[in-house]
């Protein structure tokens, strides 16, 4: 195990601690965000379904925790780049400019200052540069490179730097049936944004009139990203966290196994 890879794994462990801190701040107690919360759905007398829930609303401090988590993961990539350059470069100005390039577009990657700096030091035909190319989102996921976790990490880190705090929203998915004297029909409200208190659910079909009973079959609360410039808006944070950590771990293992760090 290389010293760099060992240090990166420590940073990944730190990121996982941030996940647990985030769960704790939401009162999740380390459990699943899909369990442990309740929702009451009823008809309000005007043909609307109303949902009352105790799903927590993330505060600003939660956005700060998530920003720290993302930054820990993004810095792991920069550690890889620095570890490859440091043995062959003694110029402090160059070392300060070393970052790990992450791009969804191959042309932008090739034209980037970060890539050109690395090739100047390591050589365009080096094994290190070849592995950096293989690590790019457009190589890892040619069909949807903007969905690649490494691209998401890099962009979220930039958003957090420039906007200070990442925005998180609570949502809830509820499914069930509305029953009346004329029959019943199923309803599904998928990832509806909620606030503390009561919110009207947005359903795909009209309610039977007059509804007599609302039966809830499934309740799934989610905490999702918001205002990410379309990057991962409305994506659940915990599954995305797991994908981010897996991507960083795989990239690190690949560089380490080839003895590039």
Protein backbone atom coordinates (compact mmCIF):
# COMPACT_ATOMS: atom_id res chain seq x y z
CA UNK A 1 0.00 0.00 0.00
CA UNK A 2 1.43 3.39 -1.00
CA UNK A 3 1.54 6.33 1.40
CA UNK A 4 -0.59 8.39 -0.99
CA UNK A 5 -3.23 5.70 -1.33
CA UNK A 6 -3.27 5.28 2.45
CA UNK A 7 -3.75 9.04 2.91
CA UNK A 8 -6.58 9.07 0.36
CA UNK A 9 -8.34 6.25 2.17
CA UNK A 10 -8.11 8.29 5.36
CA UNK A 11 -9.78 11.19 3.54
CA UNK A 12 -12.49 8.85 2.28
CA UNK A 13 -13.04 7.70 5.85
CA UNK A 14 -13.36 11.36 6.81
CA UNK A 15 -15.96 11.83 4.09
CA UNK A 16 -17.89 8.86 5.49
CA UNK A 17 -17.78 10.53 8.91
CA UNK A 18 -19.37 13.59 7.31
CA UNK A 19 -22.17 11.36 6.00
CA UNK A 20 -22.83 10.07 9.51
CA UNK A 21 -22.71 13.65 10.87
CA UNK A 22 -25.24 14.68 8.24
CA UNK A 23 -27.54 11.80 9.20
CA UNK A 24 -27.17 12.68 12.86
CA UNK A 25 -27.99 16.35 12.20
CA UNK A 26 -31.20 15.20 10.51
CA UNK A 27 -32.06 12.92 13.41
CA UNK A 28 -31.57 9.81 11.32
CA UNK A 29 -29.32 8.20 13.90
CA UNK A 30 -27.29 6.39 11.26
CA UNK A 31 -30.33 4.55 9.94
CA UNK A 32 -31.92 4.60 6.52
CA UNK A 33 -33.43 7.93 5.45
CA UNK A 34 -36.41 6.00 4.09
CA UNK A 35 -37.49 4.62 7.46
CA UNK A 36 -38.65 6.13 10.72
CA UNK A 37 -40.81 9.02 9.49
CA UNK A 38 -44.57 9.30 9.19
CA UNK A 39 -46.99 11.03 6.86
CA UNK A 40 -50.73 11.58 7.18
CA UNK A 41 -52.57 12.03 3.90
CA UNK A 42 -56.18 13.22 3.81
CA UNK A 43 -58.64 15.04 1.56
CA UNK A 44 -59.07 18.73 2.45
CA UNK A 45 -62.69 19.12 1.35
CA UNK A 46 -61.74 20.90 -1.86
CA UNK A 47 -60.60 17.95 -3.95
CA UNK A 48 -56.97 18.11 -2.83
CA UNK A 49 -54.87 15.56 -1.03
CA UNK A 50 -52.96 17.13 1.85
CA UNK A 51 -49.85 15.59 3.38
CA UNK A 52 -48.63 16.27 6.91
CA UNK A 53 -45.21 14.79 7.66
CA UNK A 54 -42.39 14.93 10.20
CA UNK A 55 -39.60 14.61 7.61
CA UNK A 56 -36.84 17.04 8.74
CA UNK A 57 -35.95 20.15 6.75
CA UNK A 58 -32.17 20.43 6.26
CA UNK A 59 -30.68 23.65 7.61
CA UNK A 60 -27.69 25.65 6.42
CA UNK A 61 -25.37 23.65 8.67
CA UNK A 62 -26.28 20.50 6.72
CA UNK A 63 -25.23 22.15 3.47
CA UNK A 64 -21.89 22.99 5.07
CA UNK A 65 -21.41 19.37 6.15
CA UNK A 66 -22.15 18.13 2.64
CA UNK A 67 -19.79 20.73 1.14
CA UNK A 68 -17.00 19.46 3.39
CA UNK A 69 -17.78 15.89 2.34
CA UNK A 70 -17.56 16.76 -1.35
CA UNK A 71 -14.34 18.69 -0.86
CA UNK A 72 -12.68 15.76 0.90
CA UNK A 73 -13.49 13.53 -2.07
CA UNK A 74 -12.40 16.04 -4.71
CA UNK A 75 -9.09 16.61 -2.94
CA UNK A 76 -8.37 12.86 -3.15
CA UNK A 77 -7.96 13.23 -6.90
CA UNK A 78 -5.58 16.15 -6.49
CA UNK A 79 -3.50 14.04 -4.10
CA UNK A 80 -3.11 11.47 -6.88
CA UNK A 81 -1.90 14.09 -9.36
CA UNK A 82 0.51 15.64 -6.86
CA UNK A 83 1.96 12.27 -5.88
CA UNK A 84 2.80 11.53 -9.52
CA UNK A 85 4.40 14.92 -10.18
CA UNK A 86 6.33 15.49 -6.95
CA UNK A 87 9.12 12.91 -7.63
CA UNK A 88 9.99 14.48 -10.99
CA UNK A 89 9.35 18.18 -10.38
CA UNK A 90 11.23 20.58 -8.09
CA UNK A 91 9.57 23.82 -9.21
CA UNK A 92 7.28 25.07 -6.43
CA UNK A 93 5.21 27.23 -8.79
CA UNK A 94 4.43 24.23 -10.96
CA UNK A 95 3.61 22.06 -7.97
CA UNK A 96 1.12 24.65 -6.70
CA UNK A 97 -0.72 24.49 -10.04
CA UNK A 98 -1.09 20.71 -10.02
CA UNK A 99 -4.70 19.52 -10.00
CA UNK A 100 -6.35 16.35 -11.27
CA UNK A 101 -8.34 17.24 -14.43
CA UNK A 102 -11.96 16.06 -14.51
CA UNK A 103 -13.90 16.71 -17.72
CA UNK A 104 -16.94 15.25 -19.47
CA UNK A 105 -15.72 16.43 -22.87
CA UNK A 106 -12.46 15.11 -24.39
CA UNK A 107 -11.67 18.37 -26.19
CA UNK A 108 -12.06 20.43 -23.02
CA UNK A 109 -9.91 17.89 -21.21
CA UNK A 110 -7.08 18.11 -23.76
CA UNK A 111 -7.20 21.92 -23.84
CA UNK A 112 -7.35 22.38 -20.07
CA UNK A 113 -4.53 24.07 -18.19
CA UNK A 114 -4.50 21.27 -15.60
CA UNK A 115 -3.93 18.60 -18.28
CA UNK A 116 -1.27 20.64 -20.11
CA UNK A 117 0.62 21.23 -16.86
CA UNK A 118 0.65 17.49 -16.14
CA UNK A 119 1.79 16.57 -19.65
CA UNK A 120 4.60 19.15 -19.49
CA UNK A 121 5.96 17.42 -16.39
CA UNK A 122 5.07 13.75 -16.98
CA UNK A 123 5.16 13.56 -20.77
CA UNK A 124 2.19 13.10 -23.08
CA UNK A 125 3.01 9.42 -23.64
CA UNK A 126 3.55 8.47 -20.00
CA UNK A 127 1.67 5.75 -18.16
CA UNK A 128 0.43 8.37 -15.69
CA UNK A 129 -1.21 10.47 -18.42
CA UNK A 130 -2.74 7.36 -19.97
CA UNK A 131 -4.34 6.44 -16.65
CA UNK A 132 -5.61 9.99 -16.12
CA UNK A 133 -7.27 9.77 -19.55
CA UNK A 134 -8.92 6.46 -18.58
CA UNK A 135 -10.24 8.11 -15.41
CA UNK A 136 -12.16 10.84 -17.23
CA UNK A 137 -15.97 10.85 -17.10
CA UNK A 138 -16.25 10.63 -20.90
CA UNK A 139 -14.22 7.38 -20.75
CA UNK A 140 -15.92 5.97 -17.66
CA UNK A 141 -19.44 6.70 -18.92
CA UNK A 142 -19.45 7.52 -22.65
CA UNK A 143 -23.28 7.57 -22.83
CA UNK A 144 -23.87 9.97 -19.94
CA UNK A 145 -20.55 11.49 -18.79
CA UNK A 146 -22.25 14.32 -16.90
CA UNK A 147 -23.80 11.69 -14.63
CA UNK A 148 -20.43 10.19 -13.76
CA UNK A 149 -19.72 10.55 -10.01
CA UNK A 150 -16.28 12.10 -10.62
CA UNK A 151 -17.87 14.87 -12.70
CA UNK A 152 -20.57 15.37 -10.07
CA UNK A 153 -17.92 15.62 -7.32
CA UNK A 154 -15.90 18.16 -9.28
CA UNK A 155 -18.89 20.34 -10.17
CA UNK A 156 -20.42 20.22 -6.68
CA UNK A 157 -17.06 21.25 -5.23
CA UNK A 158 -16.99 24.26 -7.56
CA UNK A 159 -20.57 25.17 -6.68
CA UNK A 160 -19.77 24.94 -2.97
CA UNK A 161 -16.67 27.15 -3.41
CA UNK A 162 -18.49 29.86 -5.31
CA UNK A 163 -21.87 29.82 -3.57
CA UNK A 164 -20.59 28.94 -0.09
CA UNK A 165 -23.39 26.52 0.85
CA UNK A 166 -24.99 23.65 -1.07
CA UNK A 167 -28.80 23.65 -1.10
CA UNK A 168 -30.65 20.57 0.12
CA UNK A 169 -34.40 20.00 0.02
CA UNK A 170 -36.68 17.48 1.73
CA UNK A 171 -39.07 15.58 -0.53
CA UNK A 172 -41.50 12.75 -0.01
CA UNK A 173 -42.95 10.05 -2.24
CA UNK A 174 -46.38 8.73 -1.23
CA UNK A 175 -48.51 6.11 -2.92
CA UNK A 176 -51.91 4.67 -2.05
CA UNK A 177 -55.57 4.66 -3.04
CA UNK A 178 -58.44 7.14 -2.83
CA UNK A 179 -61.79 5.41 -2.29
CA UNK A 180 -65.31 6.70 -2.91
CA UNK A 181 -68.82 5.31 -3.51
CA UNK A 182 -68.06 5.14 -7.24
CA UNK A 183 -64.90 3.10 -6.79
CA UNK A 184 -61.29 3.83 -6.03
CA UNK A 185 -58.15 4.83 -7.89
CA UNK A 186 -54.44 4.59 -7.14
CA UNK A 187 -52.27 7.66 -6.67
CA UNK A 188 -48.52 8.20 -6.68
CA UNK A 189 -46.87 11.46 -5.66
CA UNK A 190 -43.19 11.13 -6.56
CA UNK A 191 -40.59 13.21 -4.70
CA UNK A 192 -42.90 16.06 -3.90
CA UNK A 193 -41.09 19.01 -2.25
CA UNK A 194 -42.27 19.54 1.30
CA UNK A 195 -41.88 22.09 4.06
CA UNK A 196 -42.42 21.85 7.78
CA UNK A 197 -46.13 21.38 8.36
CA UNK A 198 -48.64 20.71 5.58
CA UNK A 199 -48.29 20.58 1.81
CA UNK A 200 -50.75 19.77 -0.98
CA UNK A 201 -49.68 16.75 -2.99
CA UNK A 202 -49.53 17.13 -6.75
CA UNK A 203 -51.24 14.09 -8.27
CA UNK A 204 -51.48 12.95 -11.85
CA UNK A 205 -55.26 12.41 -11.88
CA UNK A 206 -58.47 13.99 -10.50
CA UNK A 207 -59.93 12.83 -7.21
CA UNK A 208 -63.29 11.04 -7.22
CA UNK A 209 -65.98 13.29 -5.80
CA UNK A 210 -66.70 13.06 -2.99
CA UNK A 211 -63.76 10.95 -1.75
CA UNK A 212 -64.57 8.97 1.35
CA UNK A 213 -61.23 7.49 2.36
CA UNK A 214 -57.54 7.86 1.62
CA UNK A 215 -55.39 4.77 2.13
CA UNK A 216 -51.60 5.30 2.17
CA UNK A 217 -49.63 2.23 1.10
CA UNK A 218 -46.05 3.53 1.00
CA UNK A 219 -44.19 6.56 2.35
CA UNK A 220 -40.60 7.32 1.28
CA UNK A 221 -38.89 10.50 2.48
CA UNK A 222 -35.79 11.71 0.64
CA UNK A 223 -33.26 14.48 1.06
CA UNK A 224 -32.30 15.75 -2.41
CA UNK A 225 -29.91 18.23 -3.98
CA UNK A 226 -31.32 21.49 -5.34
CA UNK A 227 -30.00 24.46 -7.33
CA UNK A 228 -27.06 22.51 -8.77
CA UNK A 229 -27.44 24.00 -12.27
CA UNK A 230 -29.16 20.81 -13.40
CA UNK A 231 -26.23 18.64 -12.35
CA UNK A 232 -28.02 16.50 -9.77
CA UNK A 233 -31.18 18.41 -8.89
CA UNK A 234 -33.76 16.20 -7.17
CA UNK A 235 -31.33 13.29 -6.81
CA UNK A 236 -31.32 11.63 -3.39
CA UNK A 237 -28.17 12.54 -1.51
CA UNK A 238 -27.36 9.25 0.22
CA UNK A 239 -27.27 6.97 -2.88
CA UNK A 240 -25.22 9.64 -4.66
CA UNK A 241 -22.78 9.82 -1.73
CA UNK A 242 -22.22 6.07 -2.02
CA UNK A 243 -21.55 6.33 -5.77
CA UNK A 244 -19.07 9.16 -5.18
CA UNK A 245 -17.11 7.20 -2.59
CA UNK A 246 -17.07 4.07 -4.76
CA UNK A 247 -15.76 6.08 -7.74
CA UNK A 248 -12.92 7.66 -5.72
CA UNK A 249 -11.99 4.28 -4.25
CA UNK A 250 -11.89 2.60 -7.68
CA UNK A 251 -9.77 5.35 -9.23
CA UNK A 252 -7.34 5.26 -6.31
CA UNK A 253 -7.06 1.48 -6.46
CA UNK A 254 -6.39 1.63 -10.20
CA UNK A 255 -3.50 4.11 -9.86
CA UNK A 256 -2.10 2.18 -6.90
CA UNK A 257 -2.32 -1.25 -8.57
CA UNK A 258 -0.30 0.09 -11.53
CA UNK A 259 2.24 1.58 -9.14
CA UNK A 260 1.65 5.10 -10.41
CA UNK A 261 1.31 6.51 -6.89
